[in-house]
Amino acid sequence: MRREIPMVIATIAALYTFVIQVSHHGWQTGWLATTDLWMAFLSAVAFLLGALNLARIHITNIRRKREHWPY
């Protein structure tokens, strides 16, 4: 269940975006602009969180300095 819910949400969002991009109706242009802004914002946040997580993991490993560690 922990995997299925995010997969369903992502699938619905992808299908919604695809349908909006393919069909060009006047009432959908507002939704398209809004979803484009949200997707840009969320991808920037995801990129930032990934960079912070990667930095946290590497900083933790550097601080441990185990025996026979090459650095």
PDB file of N, CA and C in Angstrom:
ATOM      1  N   MET A   1       0.807  -1.189   0.000  1.00  0.00           N
ATOM      2  CA  MET A   1       0.000   0.000   0.000  1.00  0.00           C
ATOM      3  C   MET A   1       0.862   1.270   0.000  1.00  0.00           C
ATOM      4  N   ARG A   2       2.037   1.200   0.604  1.00  0.00           N
ATOM      5  CA  ARG A   2       2.917   2.366   0.625  1.00  0.00           C
ATOM      6  C   ARG A   2       3.435   2.700  -0.766  1.00  0.00           C
ATOM      7  N   ARG A   3       3.543   1.717  -1.623  1.00  0.00           N
ATOM      8  CA  ARG A   3       4.026   1.959  -2.985  1.00  0.00           C
ATOM      9  C   ARG A   3       2.895   2.286  -3.944  1.00  0.00           C
ATOM     10  N   GLU A   4       1.750   1.706  -3.721  1.00  0.00           N
ATOM     11  CA  GLU A   4       0.661   1.844  -4.676  1.00  0.00           C
ATOM     12  C   GLU A   4       0.095   3.261  -4.715  1.00  0.00           C
ATOM     13  N   ILE A   5      -0.060   3.894  -3.569  1.00  0.00           N
ATOM     14  CA  ILE A   5      -0.660   5.232  -3.535  1.00  0.00           C
ATOM     15  C   ILE A   5       0.190   6.252  -4.294  1.00  0.00           C
ATOM     16  N   PRO A   6       1.506   6.344  -4.056  1.00  0.00           N
ATOM     17  CA  PRO A   6       2.297   7.282  -4.859  1.00  0.00           C
ATOM     18  C   PRO A   6       2.307   6.941  -6.348  1.00  0.00           C
ATOM     19  N   MET A   7       2.282   5.651  -6.674  1.00  0.00           N
ATOM     20  CA  MET A   7       2.250   5.258  -8.081  1.00  0.00           C
ATOM     21  C   MET A   7       0.943   5.691  -8.744  1.00  0.00           C
ATOM     22  N   VAL A   8      -0.168   5.544  -8.045  1.00  0.00           N
ATOM     23  CA  VAL A   8      -1.460   5.958  -8.592  1.00  0.00           C
ATOM     24  C   VAL A   8      -1.487   7.473  -8.779  1.00  0.00           C
ATOM     25  N   ILE A   9      -0.993   8.214  -7.789  1.00  0.00           N
ATOM     26  CA  ILE A   9      -0.963   9.676  -7.895  1.00  0.00           C
ATOM     27  C   ILE A   9      -0.083  10.113  -9.063  1.00  0.00           C
ATOM     28  N   ALA A  10       1.085   9.506  -9.204  1.00  0.00           N
ATOM     29  CA  ALA A  10       1.988   9.862 -10.302  1.00  0.00           C
ATOM     30  C   ALA A  10       1.380   9.509 -11.658  1.00  0.00           C
ATOM     31  N   THR A  11       0.707   8.375 -11.745  1.00  0.00           N
ATOM     32  CA  THR A  11       0.074   7.972 -12.999  1.00  0.00           C
ATOM     33  C   THR A  11      -1.049   8.928 -13.381  1.00  0.00           C
ATOM     34  N   ILE A  12      -1.861   9.299 -12.408  1.00  0.00           N
ATOM     35  CA  ILE A  12      -2.949  10.244 -12.683  1.00  0.00           C
ATOM     36  C   ILE A  12      -2.388  11.592 -13.120  1.00  0.00           C
ATOM     37  N   ALA A  13      -1.348  12.063 -12.445  1.00  0.00           N
ATOM     38  CA  ALA A  13      -0.739  13.346 -12.811  1.00  0.00           C
ATOM     39  C   ALA A  13      -0.140  13.285 -14.211  1.00  0.00           C
ATOM     40  N   ALA A  14       0.508  12.174 -14.548  1.00  0.00           N
ATOM     41  CA  ALA A  14       1.105  12.037 -15.876  1.00  0.00           C
ATOM     42  C   ALA A  14       0.028  11.985 -16.961  1.00  0.00           C
ATOM     43  N   LEU A  15      -1.016  11.221 -16.727  1.00  0.00           N
ATOM     44  CA  LEU A  15      -2.103  11.151 -17.708  1.00  0.00           C
ATOM     45  C   LEU A  15      -2.793  12.502 -17.866  1.00  0.00           C
ATOM     46  N   TYR A  16      -3.009  13.189 -16.769  1.00  0.00           N
ATOM     47  CA  TYR A  16      -3.622  14.518 -16.814  1.00  0.00           C
ATOM     48  C   TYR A  16      -2.770  15.472 -17.641  1.00  0.00           C
ATOM     49  N   THR A  17      -1.472  15.493 -17.380  1.00  0.00           N
ATOM     50  CA  THR A  17      -0.571  16.378 -18.113  1.00  0.00           C
ATOM     51  C   THR A  17      -0.539  16.017 -19.593  1.00  0.00           C
ATOM     52  N   PHE A  18      -0.521  14.729 -19.894  1.00  0.00           N
ATOM     53  CA  PHE A  18      -0.508  14.289 -21.289  1.00  0.00           C
ATOM     54  C   PHE A  18      -1.777  14.724 -22.018  1.00  0.00           C
ATOM     55  N   VAL A  19      -2.916  14.511 -21.396  1.00  0.00           N
ATOM     56  CA  VAL A  19      -4.190  14.874 -22.033  1.00  0.00           C
ATOM     57  C   VAL A  19      -4.269  16.378 -22.243  1.00  0.00           C
ATOM     58  N   ILE A  20      -3.839  17.155 -21.275  1.00  0.00           N
ATOM     59  CA  ILE A  20      -3.864  18.618 -21.402  1.00  0.00           C
ATOM     60  C   ILE A  20      -2.935  19.062 -22.536  1.00  0.00           C
ATOM     61  N   GLN A  21      -1.758  18.451 -22.656  1.00  0.00           N
ATOM     62  CA  GLN A  21      -0.808  18.840 -23.695  1.00  0.00           C
ATOM     63  C   GLN A  21      -1.314  18.472 -25.089  1.00  0.00           C
ATOM     64  N   VAL A  22      -1.997  17.350 -25.199  1.00  0.00           N
ATOM     65  CA  VAL A  22      -2.447  16.869 -26.509  1.00  0.00           C
ATOM     66  C   VAL A  22      -3.696  17.609 -26.982  1.00  0.00           C
ATOM     67  N   SER A  23      -4.647  17.813 -26.093  1.00  0.00           N
ATOM     68  CA  SER A  23      -5.885  18.493 -26.489  1.00  0.00           C
ATOM     69  C   SER A  23      -5.788  19.967 -26.123  1.00  0.00           C
ATOM     70  N   HIS A  24      -6.025  20.821 -27.090  1.00  0.00           N
ATOM     71  CA  HIS A  24      -5.893  22.265 -26.889  1.00  0.00           C
ATOM     72  C   HIS A  24      -7.277  22.912 -26.869  1.00  0.00           C
ATOM     73  N   HIS A  25      -7.860  22.950 -25.696  1.00  0.00           N
ATOM     74  CA  HIS A  25      -9.133  23.643 -25.522  1.00  0.00           C
ATOM     75  C   HIS A  25      -8.880  24.914 -24.732  1.00  0.00           C
ATOM     76  N   GLY A  26      -9.713  25.913 -24.932  1.00  0.00           N
ATOM     77  CA  GLY A  26      -9.516  27.206 -24.305  1.00  0.00           C
ATOM     78  C   GLY A  26      -9.541  27.164 -22.785  1.00  0.00           C
ATOM     79  N   TRP A  27     -10.424  26.360 -22.202  1.00  0.00           N
ATOM     80  CA  TRP A  27     -10.549  26.338 -20.747  1.00  0.00           C
ATOM     81  C   TRP A  27      -9.376  25.632 -20.077  1.00  0.00           C
ATOM     82  N   GLN A  28      -8.596  24.877 -20.835  1.00  0.00           N
ATOM     83  CA  GLN A  28      -7.495  24.127 -20.245  1.00  0.00           C
ATOM     84  C   GLN A  28      -6.200  24.915 -20.185  1.00  0.00           C
ATOM     85  N   THR A  29      -6.102  26.042 -20.858  1.00  0.00           N
ATOM     86  CA  THR A  29      -4.834  26.771 -20.872  1.00  0.00           C
ATOM     87  C   THR A  29      -4.474  27.289 -19.489  1.00  0.00           C
ATOM     88  N   GLY A  30      -5.456  27.697 -18.703  1.00  0.00           N
ATOM     89  CA  GLY A  30      -5.185  28.130 -17.332  1.00  0.00           C
ATOM     90  C   GLY A  30      -4.649  26.993 -16.479  1.00  0.00           C
ATOM     91  N   TRP A  31      -5.255  25.820 -16.636  1.00  0.00           N
ATOM     92  CA  TRP A  31      -4.791  24.649 -15.891  1.00  0.00           C
ATOM     93  C   TRP A  31      -3.390  24.240 -16.324  1.00  0.00           C
ATOM     94  N   LEU A  32      -3.121  24.360 -17.614  1.00  0.00           N
ATOM     95  CA  LEU A  32      -1.805  23.985 -18.131  1.00  0.00           C
ATOM     96  C   LEU A  32      -0.725  24.886 -17.558  1.00  0.00           C
ATOM     97  N   ALA A  33      -0.980  26.177 -17.520  1.00  0.00           N
ATOM     98  CA  ALA A  33      -0.002  27.112 -16.959  1.00  0.00           C
ATOM     99  C   ALA A  33       0.216  26.834 -15.476  1.00  0.00           C
ATOM    100  N   THR A  34      -0.860  26.555 -14.760  1.00  0.00           N
ATOM    101  CA  THR A  34      -0.748  26.275 -13.325  1.00  0.00           C
ATOM    102  C   THR A  34       0.029  24.994 -13.077  1.00  0.00           C
ATOM    103  N   THR A  35      -0.285  23.946 -13.816  1.00  0.00           N
ATOM    104  CA  THR A  35       0.422  22.683 -13.605  1.00  0.00           C
ATOM    105  C   THR A  35       1.882  22.785 -14.030  1.00  0.00           C
ATOM    106  N   ASP A  36       2.170  23.555 -15.064  1.00  0.00           N
ATOM    107  CA  ASP A  36       3.567  23.754 -15.463  1.00  0.00           C
ATOM    108  C   ASP A  36       4.360  24.442 -14.363  1.00  0.00           C
ATOM    109  N   LEU A  37       3.769  25.454 -13.741  1.00  0.00           N
ATOM    110  CA  LEU A  37       4.445  26.137 -12.635  1.00  0.00           C
ATOM    111  C   LEU A  37       4.659  25.202 -11.450  1.00  0.00           C
ATOM    112  N   TRP A  38       3.633  24.425 -11.122  1.00  0.00           N
ATOM    113  CA  TRP A  38       3.761  23.497 -10.004  1.00  0.00           C
ATOM    114  C   TRP A  38       4.798  22.409 -10.289  1.00  0.00           C
ATOM    115  N   MET A  39       4.825  21.916 -11.519  1.00  0.00           N
ATOM    116  CA  MET A  39       5.814  20.887 -11.851  1.00  0.00           C
ATOM    117  C   MET A  39       7.224  21.447 -11.785  1.00  0.00           C
ATOM    118  N   ALA A  40       7.425  22.674 -12.231  1.00  0.00           N
ATOM    119  CA  ALA A  40       8.745  23.300 -12.143  1.00  0.00           C
ATOM    120  C   ALA A  40       9.143  23.499 -10.684  1.00  0.00           C
ATOM    121  N   PHE A  41       8.210  23.955  -9.872  1.00  0.00           N
ATOM    122  CA  PHE A  41       8.488  24.164  -8.451  1.00  0.00           C
ATOM    123  C   PHE A  41       8.807  22.850  -7.751  1.00  0.00           C
ATOM    124  N   LEU A  42       7.986  21.835  -7.976  1.00  0.00           N
ATOM    125  CA  LEU A  42       8.199  20.549  -7.309  1.00  0.00           C
ATOM    126  C   LEU A  42       9.480  19.866  -7.770  1.00  0.00           C
ATOM    127  N   SER A  43       9.830  19.998  -9.036  1.00  0.00           N
ATOM    128  CA  SER A  43      11.083  19.397  -9.496  1.00  0.00           C
ATOM    129  C   SER A  43      12.282  20.125  -8.894  1.00  0.00           C
ATOM    130  N   ALA A  44      12.193  21.439  -8.712  1.00  0.00           N
ATOM    131  CA  ALA A  44      13.283  22.175  -8.063  1.00  0.00           C
ATOM    132  C   ALA A  44      13.422  21.763  -6.606  1.00  0.00           C
ATOM    133  N   VAL A  45      12.312  21.590  -5.912  1.00  0.00           N
ATOM    134  CA  VAL A  45      12.347  21.149  -4.514  1.00  0.00           C
ATOM    135  C   VAL A  45      12.910  19.734  -4.422  1.00  0.00           C
ATOM    136  N   ALA A  46      12.504  18.851  -5.328  1.00  0.00           N
ATOM    137  CA  ALA A  46      13.016  17.482  -5.320  1.00  0.00           C
ATOM    138  C   ALA A  46      14.516  17.458  -5.585  1.00  0.00           C
ATOM    139  N   PHE A  47      14.984  18.287  -6.506  1.00  0.00           N
ATOM    140  CA  PHE A  47      16.416  18.371  -6.797  1.00  0.00           C
ATOM    141  C   PHE A  47      17.182  18.864  -5.572  1.00  0.00           C
ATOM    142  N   LEU A  48      16.651  19.877  -4.896  1.00  0.00           N
ATOM    143  CA  LEU A  48      17.291  20.408  -3.697  1.00  0.00           C
ATOM    144  C   LEU A  48      17.336  19.363  -2.589  1.00  0.00           C
ATOM    145  N   LEU A  49      16.237  18.658  -2.366  1.00  0.00           N
ATOM    146  CA  LEU A  49      16.215  17.619  -1.339  1.00  0.00           C
ATOM    147  C   LEU A  49      17.185  16.489  -1.666  1.00  0.00           C
ATOM    148  N   GLY A  50      17.287  16.123  -2.925  1.00  0.00           N
ATOM    149  CA  GLY A  50      18.240  15.091  -3.325  1.00  0.00           C
ATOM    150  C   GLY A  50      19.672  15.521  -3.086  1.00  0.00           C
ATOM    151  N   ALA A  51      19.988  16.772  -3.411  1.00  0.00           N
ATOM    152  CA  ALA A  51      21.342  17.285  -3.183  1.00  0.00           C
ATOM    153  C   ALA A  51      21.661  17.341  -1.692  1.00  0.00           C
ATOM    154  N   LEU A  52      20.705  17.778  -0.883  1.00  0.00           N
ATOM    155  CA  LEU A  52      20.924  17.822   0.567  1.00  0.00           C
ATOM    156  C   LEU A  52      21.103  16.422   1.149  1.00  0.00           C
ATOM    157  N   ASN A  53      20.319  15.469   0.683  1.00  0.00           N
ATOM    158  CA  ASN A  53      20.446  14.100   1.168  1.00  0.00           C
ATOM    159  C   ASN A  53      21.792  13.500   0.775  1.00  0.00           C
ATOM    160  N   LEU A  54      22.219  13.736  -0.448  1.00  0.00           N
ATOM    161  CA  LEU A  54      23.515  13.237  -0.903  1.00  0.00           C
ATOM    162  C   LEU A  54      24.646  13.856  -0.092  1.00  0.00           C
ATOM    163  N   ALA A  55      24.565  15.154   0.159  1.00  0.00           N
ATOM    164  CA  ALA A  55      25.585  15.829   0.964  1.00  0.00           C
ATOM    165  C   ALA A  55      25.591  15.286   2.388  1.00  0.00           C
ATOM    166  N   ARG A  56      24.416  15.049   2.961  1.00  0.00           N
ATOM    167  CA  ARG A  56      24.335  14.520   4.329  1.00  0.00           C
ATOM    168  C   ARG A  56      24.975  13.139   4.428  1.00  0.00           C
ATOM    169  N   ILE A  57      24.706  12.296   3.457  1.00  0.00           N
ATOM    170  CA  ILE A  57      25.275  10.946   3.469  1.00  0.00           C
ATOM    171  C   ILE A  57      26.791  11.004   3.360  1.00  0.00           C
ATOM    172  N   HIS A  58      27.312  11.817   2.452  1.00  0.00           N
ATOM    173  CA  HIS A  58      28.757  11.889   2.268  1.00  0.00           C
ATOM    174  C   HIS A  58      29.446  12.554   3.454  1.00  0.00           C
ATOM    175  N   ILE A  59      28.842  13.576   4.014  1.00  0.00           N
ATOM    176  CA  ILE A  59      29.441  14.230   5.180  1.00  0.00           C
ATOM    177  C   ILE A  59      29.488  13.272   6.360  1.00  0.00           C
ATOM    178  N   THR A  60      28.444  12.480   6.548  1.00  0.00           N
ATOM    179  CA  THR A  60      28.434  11.486   7.625  1.00  0.00           C
ATOM    180  C   THR A  60      29.541  10.463   7.414  1.00  0.00           C
ATOM    181  N   ASN A  61      29.719   9.986   6.187  1.00  0.00           N
ATOM    182  CA  ASN A  61      30.774   9.009   5.909  1.00  0.00           C
ATOM    183  C   ASN A  61      32.161   9.616   6.092  1.00  0.00           C
ATOM    184  N   ILE A  62      32.337  10.868   5.734  1.00  0.00           N
ATOM    185  CA  ILE A  62      33.639  11.515   5.892  1.00  0.00           C
ATOM    186  C   ILE A  62      33.961  11.695   7.367  1.00  0.00           C
ATOM    187  N   ARG A  63      32.980  12.019   8.179  1.00  0.00           N
ATOM    188  CA  ARG A  63      33.210  12.215   9.616  1.00  0.00           C
ATOM    189  C   ARG A  63      33.570  10.920  10.330  1.00  0.00           C
ATOM    190  N   ARG A  64      33.073   9.782   9.856  1.00  0.00           N
ATOM    191  CA  ARG A  64      33.355   8.504  10.524  1.00  0.00           C
ATOM    192  C   ARG A  64      34.818   8.102  10.386  1.00  0.00           C
ATOM    193  N   LYS A  65      35.393   8.269   9.221  1.00  0.00           N
ATOM    194  CA  LYS A  65      36.788   7.924   8.923  1.00  0.00           C
ATOM    195  C   LYS A  65      37.171   6.564   9.519  1.00  0.00           C
ATOM    196  N   ARG A  66      36.679   5.542   8.926  1.00  0.00           N
ATOM    197  CA  ARG A  66      36.966   4.186   9.397  1.00  0.00           C
ATOM    198  C   ARG A  66      38.416   3.810   9.119  1.00  0.00           C
ATOM    199  N   GLU A  67      38.828   2.725   9.745  1.00  0.00           N
ATOM    200  CA  GLU A  67      40.188   2.233   9.551  1.00  0.00           C
ATOM    201  C   GLU A  67      40.354   1.753   8.111  1.00  0.00           C
ATOM    202  N   HIS A  68      41.510   2.015   7.515  1.00  0.00           N
ATOM    203  CA  HIS A  68      41.848   1.675   6.126  1.00  0.00           C
ATOM    204  C   HIS A  68      40.957   2.416   5.133  1.00  0.00           C
ATOM    205  N   TRP A  69      40.511   3.568   5.512  1.00  0.00           N
ATOM    206  CA  TRP A  69      39.693   4.383   4.621  1.00  0.00           C
ATOM    207  C   TRP A  69      40.625   5.140   3.695  1.00  0.00           C
ATOM    208  N   PRO A  70      40.405   5.128   2.377  1.00  0.00           N
ATOM    209  CA  PRO A  70      41.393   5.690   1.444  1.00  0.00           C
ATOM    210  C   PRO A  70      41.551   7.207   1.514  1.00  0.00           C
ATOM    211  N   TYR A  71      40.634   7.927   2.124  1.00  0.00           N
ATOM    212  CA  TYR A  71      40.741   9.386   2.116  1.00  0.00           C
ATOM    213  C   TYR A  71      41.150   9.878   3.467  1.00  0.00           C
TER     214      TYR A  71
END
